[in-house]
Amino acid sequence: MLKKIFYILIYIFATIGFILTAGYFAIKLGLTKTGGIIDNQRSDFLHNTHLPSGKDKTYYWQTLPEWQTLKTALQKETEIINRSAIASGVPARLIVSNLVAEQLRFFYDDRESYKKFFEPLKILGSQTQFSWGVMGIKEDTAVHIENNLKNPTSPYYLGLQYEHILDFKTASTSGNSANNSTDVSMERFTRMTDQHKHYYNYLYAGLYLAEIEHQWKQAGFNISDRPEILSTLYNIGFSGSKPNANPQSGGAPIPIGNQTYSFGTIAAQFYNSNELLSEFPK
């Protein structure tokens, strides 16, 4: 009997070990990645069927209670969003356009949290796992944004005035390189997932948009007046940003109520609407 129990325990622990090992490699290979904000739809842009068609048009998502919840939450964030926009050099409304698309996606993806927290408290949803914060930025994207600021040879390089805007306090206080890397990673995680202070979320998002716009301008394509393209590029990430003369609006599909939008479409619809114009003018 003891021998049987011994073998059973060995099989149980072996199975647990296999599952943990498989999970580790799944994460390392990116097999667990889901539809976050700057990571999906890296091939062709999705053609959309809900392009903005007029300044006074009322879009379907504007009629939903989720939008009223989000609108109130955004009004609470006005000062900090505008401050991050000034620091990053991009219009606040462009940052908010991507925030609107991400938050509506989050509200419909996590209905339980929406009903329990976001709707009654009128607050933004913040992520802490595969994507971080209210803007849903992934760690590798955040690192890419940081590195571009300090690399004059990068097509995303914005100039000397931006090189130290994301410097870490722990980078200058830690002497050991291994500890330094760990401390910086922890500081990055803390600044991006702070539930009460979203400044860095908006700053990273603004700098990403500035870097992408600069890349395209350097290649001879000015997309500063194309919120639908900038938002699509925000959604699909650095590797999907390939300057060309005929970019398409699209990105990850976002089911909202009984309609499905592309990320770029819903962001552009907000940008071109009359919503929150006094807080975030065009």
C-alpha atoms as a PDB file:
ATOM      1  CA  MET A   1       0.000   0.000   0.000  1.00  0.00           C
ATOM      2  CA  LEU A   2       2.804   2.425   0.909  1.00  0.00           C
ATOM      3  CA  LYS A   3       4.542   1.589  -2.341  1.00  0.00           C
ATOM      4  CA  LYS A   4       1.398   2.418  -4.320  1.00  0.00           C
ATOM      5  CA  ILE A   5       0.982   5.712  -2.457  1.00  0.00           C
ATOM      6  CA  PHE A   6       4.630   6.525  -3.153  1.00  0.00           C
ATOM      7  CA  TYR A   7       4.194   5.957  -6.911  1.00  0.00           C
ATOM      8  CA  ILE A   8       0.945   7.928  -6.954  1.00  0.00           C
ATOM      9  CA  LEU A   9       2.715  10.888  -5.324  1.00  0.00           C
ATOM     10  CA  ILE A  10       5.528  10.657  -7.882  1.00  0.00           C
ATOM     11  CA  TYR A  11       3.006  10.757 -10.738  1.00  0.00           C
ATOM     12  CA  ILE A  12       1.185  13.733  -9.189  1.00  0.00           C
ATOM     13  CA  PHE A  13       4.371  15.768  -8.729  1.00  0.00           C
ATOM     14  CA  ALA A  14       5.584  14.806 -12.208  1.00  0.00           C
ATOM     15  CA  THR A  15       2.289  16.025 -13.689  1.00  0.00           C
ATOM     16  CA  ILE A  16       2.474  19.309 -11.764  1.00  0.00           C
ATOM     17  CA  GLY A  17       6.059  19.790 -12.914  1.00  0.00           C
ATOM     18  CA  PHE A  18       5.077  19.194 -16.531  1.00  0.00           C
ATOM     19  CA  ILE A  19       2.217  21.701 -16.330  1.00  0.00           C
ATOM     20  CA  LEU A  20       4.424  24.388 -14.749  1.00  0.00           C
ATOM     21  CA  THR A  21       7.179  23.817 -17.302  1.00  0.00           C
ATOM     22  CA  ALA A  22       4.706  23.977 -20.191  1.00  0.00           C
ATOM     23  CA  GLY A  23       3.245  27.181 -18.776  1.00  0.00           C
ATOM     24  CA  TYR A  24       6.700  28.746 -18.487  1.00  0.00           C
ATOM     25  CA  PHE A  25       7.582  28.030 -22.107  1.00  0.00           C
ATOM     26  CA  ALA A  26       4.131  29.161 -23.278  1.00  0.00           C
ATOM     27  CA  ILE A  27       4.734  32.552 -21.668  1.00  0.00           C
ATOM     28  CA  LYS A  28       8.303  32.819 -23.011  1.00  0.00           C
ATOM     29  CA  LEU A  29       7.130  31.970 -26.537  1.00  0.00           C
ATOM     30  CA  GLY A  30       4.258  34.448 -26.361  1.00  0.00           C
ATOM     31  CA  LEU A  31       1.556  31.792 -26.685  1.00  0.00           C
ATOM     32  CA  THR A  32      -0.434  33.302 -23.812  1.00  0.00           C
ATOM     33  CA  LYS A  33      -0.621  36.787 -25.269  1.00  0.00           C
ATOM     34  CA  THR A  34      -4.123  38.107 -25.780  1.00  0.00           C
ATOM     35  CA  GLY A  35      -5.601  41.110 -27.510  1.00  0.00           C
ATOM     36  CA  GLY A  36      -3.824  43.849 -25.594  1.00  0.00           C
ATOM     37  CA  ILE A  37      -3.275  47.308 -26.933  1.00  0.00           C
ATOM     38  CA  ILE A  38       0.118  47.396 -28.608  1.00  0.00           C
ATOM     39  CA  ASP A  39       0.736  43.854 -29.622  1.00  0.00           C
ATOM     40  CA  ASN A  40      -1.834  42.363 -31.981  1.00  0.00           C
ATOM     41  CA  GLN A  41      -2.833  42.412 -35.672  1.00  0.00           C
ATOM     42  CA  ARG A  42       0.726  42.804 -36.915  1.00  0.00           C
ATOM     43  CA  SER A  43       0.068  41.823 -40.518  1.00  0.00           C
ATOM     44  CA  ASP A  44      -2.341  43.665 -42.796  1.00  0.00           C
ATOM     45  CA  PHE A  45      -4.565  46.336 -41.298  1.00  0.00           C
ATOM     46  CA  LEU A  46      -8.219  45.305 -41.092  1.00  0.00           C
ATOM     47  CA  HIS A  47     -10.481  47.269 -43.432  1.00  0.00           C
ATOM     48  CA  ASN A  48     -13.232  48.850 -41.365  1.00  0.00           C
ATOM     49  CA  THR A  49     -16.867  49.579 -42.146  1.00  0.00           C
ATOM     50  CA  HIS A  50     -17.553  52.245 -39.507  1.00  0.00           C
ATOM     51  CA  LEU A  51     -15.453  55.200 -40.662  1.00  0.00           C
ATOM     52  CA  PRO A  52     -16.453  58.622 -39.308  1.00  0.00           C
ATOM     53  CA  SER A  53     -18.881  60.334 -41.674  1.00  0.00           C
ATOM     54  CA  GLY A  54     -19.658  63.698 -40.096  1.00  0.00           C
ATOM     55  CA  LYS A  55     -18.841  65.944 -37.159  1.00  0.00           C
ATOM     56  CA  ASP A  56     -22.390  65.895 -35.781  1.00  0.00           C
ATOM     57  CA  LYS A  57     -23.012  62.178 -36.295  1.00  0.00           C
ATOM     58  CA  THR A  58     -23.991  60.202 -33.196  1.00  0.00           C
ATOM     59  CA  TYR A  59     -22.159  56.904 -33.137  1.00  0.00           C
ATOM     60  CA  TYR A  60     -23.634  53.759 -31.676  1.00  0.00           C
ATOM     61  CA  TRP A  61     -21.155  53.570 -28.775  1.00  0.00           C
ATOM     62  CA  GLN A  62     -22.179  57.102 -27.693  1.00  0.00           C
ATOM     63  CA  THR A  63     -25.675  55.825 -26.935  1.00  0.00           C
ATOM     64  CA  LEU A  64     -24.478  53.157 -24.481  1.00  0.00           C
ATOM     65  CA  PRO A  65     -24.285  53.474 -20.667  1.00  0.00           C
ATOM     66  CA  GLU A  66     -20.656  52.285 -20.802  1.00  0.00           C
ATOM     67  CA  TRP A  67     -19.733  55.471 -22.642  1.00  0.00           C
ATOM     68  CA  GLN A  68     -21.361  57.623 -19.947  1.00  0.00           C
ATOM     69  CA  THR A  69     -19.310  55.785 -17.319  1.00  0.00           C
ATOM     70  CA  LEU A  70     -16.133  56.283 -19.328  1.00  0.00           C
ATOM     71  CA  LYS A  71     -16.923  59.917 -20.079  1.00  0.00           C
ATOM     72  CA  THR A  72     -17.223  60.741 -16.377  1.00  0.00           C
ATOM     73  CA  ALA A  73     -13.979  58.886 -15.631  1.00  0.00           C
ATOM     74  CA  LEU A  74     -12.163  60.777 -18.392  1.00  0.00           C
ATOM     75  CA  GLN A  75     -13.315  64.128 -17.042  1.00  0.00           C
ATOM     76  CA  LYS A  76     -11.638  63.251 -13.738  1.00  0.00           C
ATOM     77  CA  GLU A  77      -8.373  62.674 -15.617  1.00  0.00           C
ATOM     78  CA  THR A  78      -8.371  65.924 -17.604  1.00  0.00           C
ATOM     79  CA  GLU A  79      -5.521  67.693 -15.824  1.00  0.00           C
ATOM     80  CA  ILE A  80      -3.107  64.771 -15.778  1.00  0.00           C
ATOM     81  CA  ILE A  81      -3.814  63.819 -19.408  1.00  0.00           C
ATOM     82  CA  ASN A  82      -3.199  67.373 -20.590  1.00  0.00           C
ATOM     83  CA  ARG A  83       0.020  67.525 -18.562  1.00  0.00           C
ATOM     84  CA  SER A  84       1.322  64.323 -20.139  1.00  0.00           C
ATOM     85  CA  ALA A  85       0.335  65.593 -23.590  1.00  0.00           C
ATOM     86  CA  ILE A  86       2.420  68.739 -23.129  1.00  0.00           C
ATOM     87  CA  ALA A  87       5.380  66.653 -21.945  1.00  0.00           C
ATOM     88  CA  SER A  88       5.163  64.209 -24.874  1.00  0.00           C
ATOM     89  CA  GLY A  89       4.400  66.845 -27.503  1.00  0.00           C
ATOM     90  CA  VAL A  90       1.235  65.231 -28.883  1.00  0.00           C
ATOM     91  CA  PRO A  91      -2.375  66.449 -28.685  1.00  0.00           C
ATOM     92  CA  ALA A  92      -4.208  65.287 -25.576  1.00  0.00           C
ATOM     93  CA  ARG A  93      -7.191  64.322 -27.721  1.00  0.00           C
ATOM     94  CA  LEU A  94      -5.061  61.835 -29.632  1.00  0.00           C
ATOM     95  CA  ILE A  95      -3.980  60.143 -26.398  1.00  0.00           C
ATOM     96  CA  VAL A  96      -7.597  60.076 -25.194  1.00  0.00           C
ATOM     97  CA  SER A  97      -8.783  58.591 -28.494  1.00  0.00           C
ATOM     98  CA  ASN A  98      -6.654  55.510 -27.881  1.00  0.00           C
ATOM     99  CA  LEU A  99      -7.665  55.462 -24.229  1.00  0.00           C
ATOM    100  CA  VAL A 100     -11.345  55.431 -25.248  1.00  0.00           C
ATOM    101  CA  ALA A 101     -10.831  52.445 -27.554  1.00  0.00           C
ATOM    102  CA  GLU A 102      -8.845  50.542 -24.936  1.00  0.00           C
ATOM    103  CA  GLN A 103     -11.250  51.250 -22.084  1.00  0.00           C
ATOM    104  CA  LEU A 104     -14.384  50.341 -24.041  1.00  0.00           C
ATOM    105  CA  ARG A 105     -12.675  47.099 -25.027  1.00  0.00           C
ATOM    106  CA  PHE A 106     -11.801  46.477 -21.371  1.00  0.00           C
ATOM    107  CA  PHE A 107     -15.329  47.306 -20.167  1.00  0.00           C
ATOM    108  CA  TYR A 108     -16.802  44.687 -22.496  1.00  0.00           C
ATOM    109  CA  ASP A 109     -14.064  42.092 -21.988  1.00  0.00           C
ATOM    110  CA  ASP A 110     -14.357  42.121 -18.189  1.00  0.00           C
ATOM    111  CA  ARG A 111     -18.055  42.598 -17.503  1.00  0.00           C
ATOM    112  CA  GLU A 112     -17.815  41.450 -13.892  1.00  0.00           C
ATOM    113  CA  SER A 113     -15.232  44.106 -12.990  1.00  0.00           C
ATOM    114  CA  TYR A 114     -17.183  46.705 -14.949  1.00  0.00           C
ATOM    115  CA  LYS A 115     -20.358  46.039 -12.993  1.00  0.00           C
ATOM    116  CA  LYS A 116     -18.590  45.830  -9.620  1.00  0.00           C
ATOM    117  CA  PHE A 117     -16.085  48.682  -9.875  1.00  0.00           C
ATOM    118  CA  PHE A 118     -15.891  50.765 -13.044  1.00  0.00           C
ATOM    119  CA  GLU A 119     -19.594  51.549 -13.443  1.00  0.00           C
ATOM    120  CA  PRO A 120     -20.472  52.451  -9.823  1.00  0.00           C
ATOM    121  CA  LEU A 121     -17.193  54.292  -9.125  1.00  0.00           C
ATOM    122  CA  LYS A 122     -16.897  55.907 -12.579  1.00  0.00           C
ATOM    123  CA  ILE A 123     -13.213  54.994 -12.855  1.00  0.00           C
ATOM    124  CA  LEU A 124     -10.898  53.652 -15.531  1.00  0.00           C
ATOM    125  CA  GLY A 125      -9.940  49.983 -15.757  1.00  0.00           C
ATOM    126  CA  SER A 126      -6.261  49.233 -15.090  1.00  0.00           C
ATOM    127  CA  GLN A 127      -4.425  46.064 -16.107  1.00  0.00           C
ATOM    128  CA  THR A 128      -1.468  44.457 -14.324  1.00  0.00           C
ATOM    129  CA  GLN A 129      -0.755  41.200 -16.185  1.00  0.00           C
ATOM    130  CA  PHE A 130      -0.015  40.866 -19.913  1.00  0.00           C
ATOM    131  CA  SER A 131      -0.731  44.562 -20.506  1.00  0.00           C
ATOM    132  CA  TRP A 132      -0.234  47.334 -17.987  1.00  0.00           C
ATOM    133  CA  GLY A 133      -2.261  50.259 -16.740  1.00  0.00           C
ATOM    134  CA  VAL A 134      -5.207  52.129 -18.208  1.00  0.00           C
ATOM    135  CA  MET A 135      -3.546  52.325 -21.642  1.00  0.00           C
ATOM    136  CA  GLY A 136      -2.770  48.589 -21.770  1.00  0.00           C
ATOM    137  CA  ILE A 137       0.904  48.985 -22.699  1.00  0.00           C
ATOM    138  CA  LYS A 138       3.037  45.852 -22.616  1.00  0.00           C
ATOM    139  CA  GLU A 139       6.435  45.745 -20.926  1.00  0.00           C
ATOM    140  CA  ASP A 140       8.414  45.125 -24.123  1.00  0.00           C
ATOM    141  CA  THR A 141       6.680  48.068 -25.767  1.00  0.00           C
ATOM    142  CA  ALA A 142       7.499  50.299 -22.792  1.00  0.00           C
ATOM    143  CA  VAL A 143      11.169  49.257 -22.991  1.00  0.00           C
ATOM    144  CA  HIS A 144      11.184  49.941 -26.754  1.00  0.00           C
ATOM    145  CA  ILE A 145       9.789  53.430 -26.167  1.00  0.00           C
ATOM    146  CA  GLU A 146      12.472  54.126 -23.552  1.00  0.00           C
ATOM    147  CA  ASN A 147      15.308  52.870 -25.746  1.00  0.00           C
ATOM    148  CA  ASN A 148      14.188  54.939 -28.730  1.00  0.00           C
ATOM    149  CA  LEU A 149      14.521  58.104 -26.664  1.00  0.00           C
ATOM    150  CA  LYS A 150      18.251  57.556 -26.190  1.00  0.00           C
ATOM    151  CA  ASN A 151      19.222  56.203 -29.620  1.00  0.00           C
ATOM    152  CA  PRO A 152      20.039  58.982 -32.132  1.00  0.00           C
ATOM    153  CA  THR A 153      20.291  56.414 -34.937  1.00  0.00           C
ATOM    154  CA  SER A 154      16.741  55.151 -34.382  1.00  0.00           C
ATOM    155  CA  PRO A 155      14.036  56.255 -36.854  1.00  0.00           C
ATOM    156  CA  TYR A 156      11.918  56.901 -33.762  1.00  0.00           C
ATOM    157  CA  TYR A 157      14.422  59.235 -32.071  1.00  0.00           C
ATOM    158  CA  LEU A 158      12.723  62.474 -30.980  1.00  0.00           C
ATOM    159  CA  GLY A 159      15.766  64.590 -30.056  1.00  0.00           C
ATOM    160  CA  LEU A 160      17.883  65.619 -27.082  1.00  0.00           C
ATOM    161  CA  GLN A 161      15.004  67.282 -25.253  1.00  0.00           C
ATOM    162  CA  TYR A 162      13.295  63.900 -24.793  1.00  0.00           C
ATOM    163  CA  GLU A 163      16.277  61.728 -23.860  1.00  0.00           C
ATOM    164  CA  HIS A 164      15.786  61.904 -20.090  1.00  0.00           C
ATOM    165  CA  ILE A 165      12.013  62.234 -19.849  1.00  0.00           C
ATOM    166  CA  LEU A 166      11.614  58.589 -18.742  1.00  0.00           C
ATOM    167  CA  ASP A 167      14.783  58.201 -16.665  1.00  0.00           C
ATOM    168  CA  PHE A 168      14.487  55.889 -13.668  1.00  0.00           C
ATOM    169  CA  LYS A 169      15.444  56.915 -10.139  1.00  0.00           C
ATOM    170  CA  THR A 170      16.737  53.409  -9.360  1.00  0.00           C
ATOM    171  CA  ALA A 171      19.069  53.427 -12.384  1.00  0.00           C
ATOM    172  CA  SER A 172      21.301  56.062 -10.783  1.00  0.00           C
ATOM    173  CA  THR A 173      21.254  54.663  -7.238  1.00  0.00           C
ATOM    174  CA  SER A 174      21.969  50.978  -7.839  1.00  0.00           C
ATOM    175  CA  GLY A 175      25.646  50.084  -8.316  1.00  0.00           C
ATOM    176  CA  ASN A 176      25.313  46.400  -9.226  1.00  0.00           C
ATOM    177  CA  SER A 177      24.217  45.896 -12.858  1.00  0.00           C
ATOM    178  CA  ALA A 178      22.029  42.876 -12.055  1.00  0.00           C
ATOM    179  CA  ASN A 179      20.337  44.697  -9.192  1.00  0.00           C
ATOM    180  CA  ASN A 180      20.062  47.759 -11.390  1.00  0.00           C
ATOM    181  CA  SER A 181      18.117  45.853 -14.043  1.00  0.00           C
ATOM    182  CA  THR A 182      15.799  44.332 -11.435  1.00  0.00           C
ATOM    183  CA  ASP A 183      15.218  47.678  -9.737  1.00  0.00           C
ATOM    184  CA  VAL A 184      14.437  49.395 -13.038  1.00  0.00           C
ATOM    185  CA  SER A 185      12.002  46.635 -13.998  1.00  0.00           C
ATOM    186  CA  MET A 186      10.230  46.999 -10.671  1.00  0.00           C
ATOM    187  CA  GLU A 187      10.123  50.793 -10.961  1.00  0.00           C
ATOM    188  CA  ARG A 188       8.721  50.490 -14.496  1.00  0.00           C
ATOM    189  CA  PHE A 189       6.030  48.079 -13.313  1.00  0.00           C
ATOM    190  CA  THR A 190       5.125  50.339 -10.388  1.00  0.00           C
ATOM    191  CA  ARG A 191       4.882  53.491 -12.472  1.00  0.00           C
ATOM    192  CA  MET A 192       2.762  51.767 -15.131  1.00  0.00           C
ATOM    193  CA  THR A 193       0.338  49.957 -12.809  1.00  0.00           C
ATOM    194  CA  ASP A 194      -0.289  52.643 -10.182  1.00  0.00           C
ATOM    195  CA  GLN A 195      -4.071  52.528  -9.693  1.00  0.00           C
ATOM    196  CA  HIS A 196      -4.302  56.156  -8.574  1.00  0.00           C
ATOM    197  CA  LYS A 197      -1.701  58.038 -10.625  1.00  0.00           C
ATOM    198  CA  HIS A 198      -1.918  57.469 -14.375  1.00  0.00           C
ATOM    199  CA  TYR A 199       0.559  60.110 -15.526  1.00  0.00           C
ATOM    200  CA  TYR A 200       3.134  57.633 -16.828  1.00  0.00           C
ATOM    201  CA  ASN A 201       0.461  55.646 -18.667  1.00  0.00           C
ATOM    202  CA  TYR A 202      -0.435  58.720 -20.677  1.00  0.00           C
ATOM    203  CA  LEU A 203       3.168  59.832 -21.052  1.00  0.00           C
ATOM    204  CA  TYR A 204       4.312  56.495 -22.499  1.00  0.00           C
ATOM    205  CA  ALA A 205       1.299  56.475 -24.831  1.00  0.00           C
ATOM    206  CA  GLY A 206       2.038  60.019 -25.981  1.00  0.00           C
ATOM    207  CA  LEU A 207       5.711  59.250 -26.574  1.00  0.00           C
ATOM    208  CA  TYR A 208       4.808  56.116 -28.529  1.00  0.00           C
ATOM    209  CA  LEU A 209       2.554  58.161 -30.805  1.00  0.00           C
ATOM    210  CA  ALA A 210       5.238  60.837 -31.171  1.00  0.00           C
ATOM    211  CA  GLU A 211       7.854  58.242 -32.086  1.00  0.00           C
ATOM    212  CA  ILE A 212       5.641  56.568 -34.685  1.00  0.00           C
ATOM    213  CA  GLU A 213       4.652  59.893 -36.226  1.00  0.00           C
ATOM    214  CA  HIS A 214       8.327  60.861 -36.407  1.00  0.00           C
ATOM    215  CA  GLN A 215       9.220  57.564 -38.091  1.00  0.00           C
ATOM    216  CA  TRP A 216       6.638  58.123 -40.823  1.00  0.00           C
ATOM    217  CA  LYS A 217       7.582  61.773 -41.289  1.00  0.00           C
ATOM    218  CA  GLN A 218      11.241  60.823 -41.706  1.00  0.00           C
ATOM    219  CA  ALA A 219      10.147  58.354 -44.385  1.00  0.00           C
ATOM    220  CA  GLY A 220       8.267  61.098 -46.237  1.00  0.00           C
ATOM    221  CA  PHE A 221       4.719  60.444 -44.984  1.00  0.00           C
ATOM    222  CA  ASN A 222       3.044  62.970 -42.692  1.00  0.00           C
ATOM    223  CA  ILE A 223       0.264  61.272 -40.699  1.00  0.00           C
ATOM    224  CA  SER A 224      -0.077  63.936 -38.000  1.00  0.00           C
ATOM    225  CA  ASP A 225      -3.607  64.679 -39.254  1.00  0.00           C
ATOM    226  CA  ARG A 226      -4.628  61.008 -39.509  1.00  0.00           C
ATOM    227  CA  PRO A 227      -5.895  59.936 -36.059  1.00  0.00           C
ATOM    228  CA  GLU A 228      -7.316  56.712 -37.480  1.00  0.00           C
ATOM    229  CA  ILE A 229      -3.880  55.681 -38.787  1.00  0.00           C
ATOM    230  CA  LEU A 230      -1.974  56.741 -35.667  1.00  0.00           C
ATOM    231  CA  SER A 231      -4.458  54.842 -33.497  1.00  0.00           C
ATOM    232  CA  THR A 232      -4.197  51.751 -35.687  1.00  0.00           C
ATOM    233  CA  LEU A 233      -0.417  51.916 -35.398  1.00  0.00           C
ATOM    234  CA  TYR A 234      -0.733  52.378 -31.644  1.00  0.00           C
ATOM    235  CA  ASN A 235      -2.711  49.160 -31.533  1.00  0.00           C
ATOM    236  CA  ILE A 236      -0.542  46.987 -33.776  1.00  0.00           C
ATOM    237  CA  GLY A 237       2.827  48.042 -32.346  1.00  0.00           C
ATOM    238  CA  PHE A 238       6.304  49.008 -33.509  1.00  0.00           C
ATOM    239  CA  SER A 239       6.870  45.924 -35.655  1.00  0.00           C
ATOM    240  CA  GLY A 240       3.715  46.655 -37.645  1.00  0.00           C
ATOM    241  CA  SER A 241       4.633  50.273 -38.330  1.00  0.00           C
ATOM    242  CA  LYS A 242       5.824  50.286 -41.937  1.00  0.00           C
ATOM    243  CA  PRO A 243       5.583  53.743 -43.546  1.00  0.00           C
ATOM    244  CA  ASN A 244       3.748  53.704 -46.874  1.00  0.00           C
ATOM    245  CA  ALA A 245       1.644  55.954 -49.077  1.00  0.00           C
ATOM    246  CA  ASN A 246      -1.652  54.135 -48.519  1.00  0.00           C
ATOM    247  CA  PRO A 247      -2.096  53.065 -44.876  1.00  0.00           C
ATOM    248  CA  GLN A 248      -5.397  51.471 -43.848  1.00  0.00           C
ATOM    249  CA  SER A 249      -7.365  52.129 -40.679  1.00  0.00           C
ATOM    250  CA  GLY A 250      -7.974  49.005 -38.610  1.00  0.00           C
ATOM    251  CA  GLY A 251      -6.428  47.031 -35.778  1.00  0.00           C
ATOM    252  CA  ALA A 252      -7.822  44.532 -33.300  1.00  0.00           C
ATOM    253  CA  PRO A 253     -11.596  43.926 -33.467  1.00  0.00           C
ATOM    254  CA  ILE A 254     -13.493  45.322 -30.472  1.00  0.00           C
ATOM    255  CA  PRO A 255     -17.028  43.992 -29.845  1.00  0.00           C
ATOM    256  CA  ILE A 256     -19.137  46.760 -28.281  1.00  0.00           C
ATOM    257  CA  GLY A 257     -22.783  45.970 -27.618  1.00  0.00           C
ATOM    258  CA  ASN A 258     -24.158  44.474 -30.832  1.00  0.00           C
ATOM    259  CA  GLN A 259     -21.482  45.927 -33.116  1.00  0.00           C
ATOM    260  CA  THR A 260     -17.809  45.194 -33.718  1.00  0.00           C
ATOM    261  CA  TYR A 261     -15.371  48.005 -34.418  1.00  0.00           C
ATOM    262  CA  SER A 262     -11.698  48.008 -35.297  1.00  0.00           C
ATOM    263  CA  PHE A 263      -9.453  49.733 -32.765  1.00  0.00           C
ATOM    264  CA  GLY A 264      -8.494  52.490 -35.216  1.00  0.00           C
ATOM    265  CA  THR A 265     -12.108  53.170 -36.143  1.00  0.00           C
ATOM    266  CA  ILE A 266     -13.471  53.705 -32.661  1.00  0.00           C
ATOM    267  CA  ALA A 267     -10.476  55.879 -31.718  1.00  0.00           C
ATOM    268  CA  ALA A 268     -10.994  58.032 -34.824  1.00  0.00           C
ATOM    269  CA  GLN A 269     -14.723  58.273 -34.213  1.00  0.00           C
ATOM    270  CA  PHE A 270     -14.097  59.705 -30.770  1.00  0.00           C
ATOM    271  CA  TYR A 271     -11.428  62.069 -32.103  1.00  0.00           C
ATOM    272  CA  ASN A 272     -13.789  63.433 -34.791  1.00  0.00           C
ATOM    273  CA  SER A 273     -16.834  63.600 -32.518  1.00  0.00           C
ATOM    274  CA  ASN A 274     -17.990  66.515 -30.393  1.00  0.00           C
ATOM    275  CA  GLU A 275     -17.443  64.577 -27.173  1.00  0.00           C
ATOM    276  CA  LEU A 276     -15.289  66.243 -24.464  1.00  0.00           C
ATOM    277  CA  LEU A 277     -14.190  69.076 -26.749  1.00  0.00           C
ATOM    278  CA  SER A 278     -13.815  71.542 -23.885  1.00  0.00           C
ATOM    279  CA  GLU A 279     -11.539  69.144 -21.963  1.00  0.00           C
ATOM    280  CA  PHE A 280      -9.585  67.838 -24.975  1.00  0.00           C
ATOM    281  CA  PRO A 281      -9.904  70.172 -27.990  1.00  0.00           C
ATOM    282  CA  LYS A 282      -8.916  69.139 -31.509  1.00  0.00           C
END
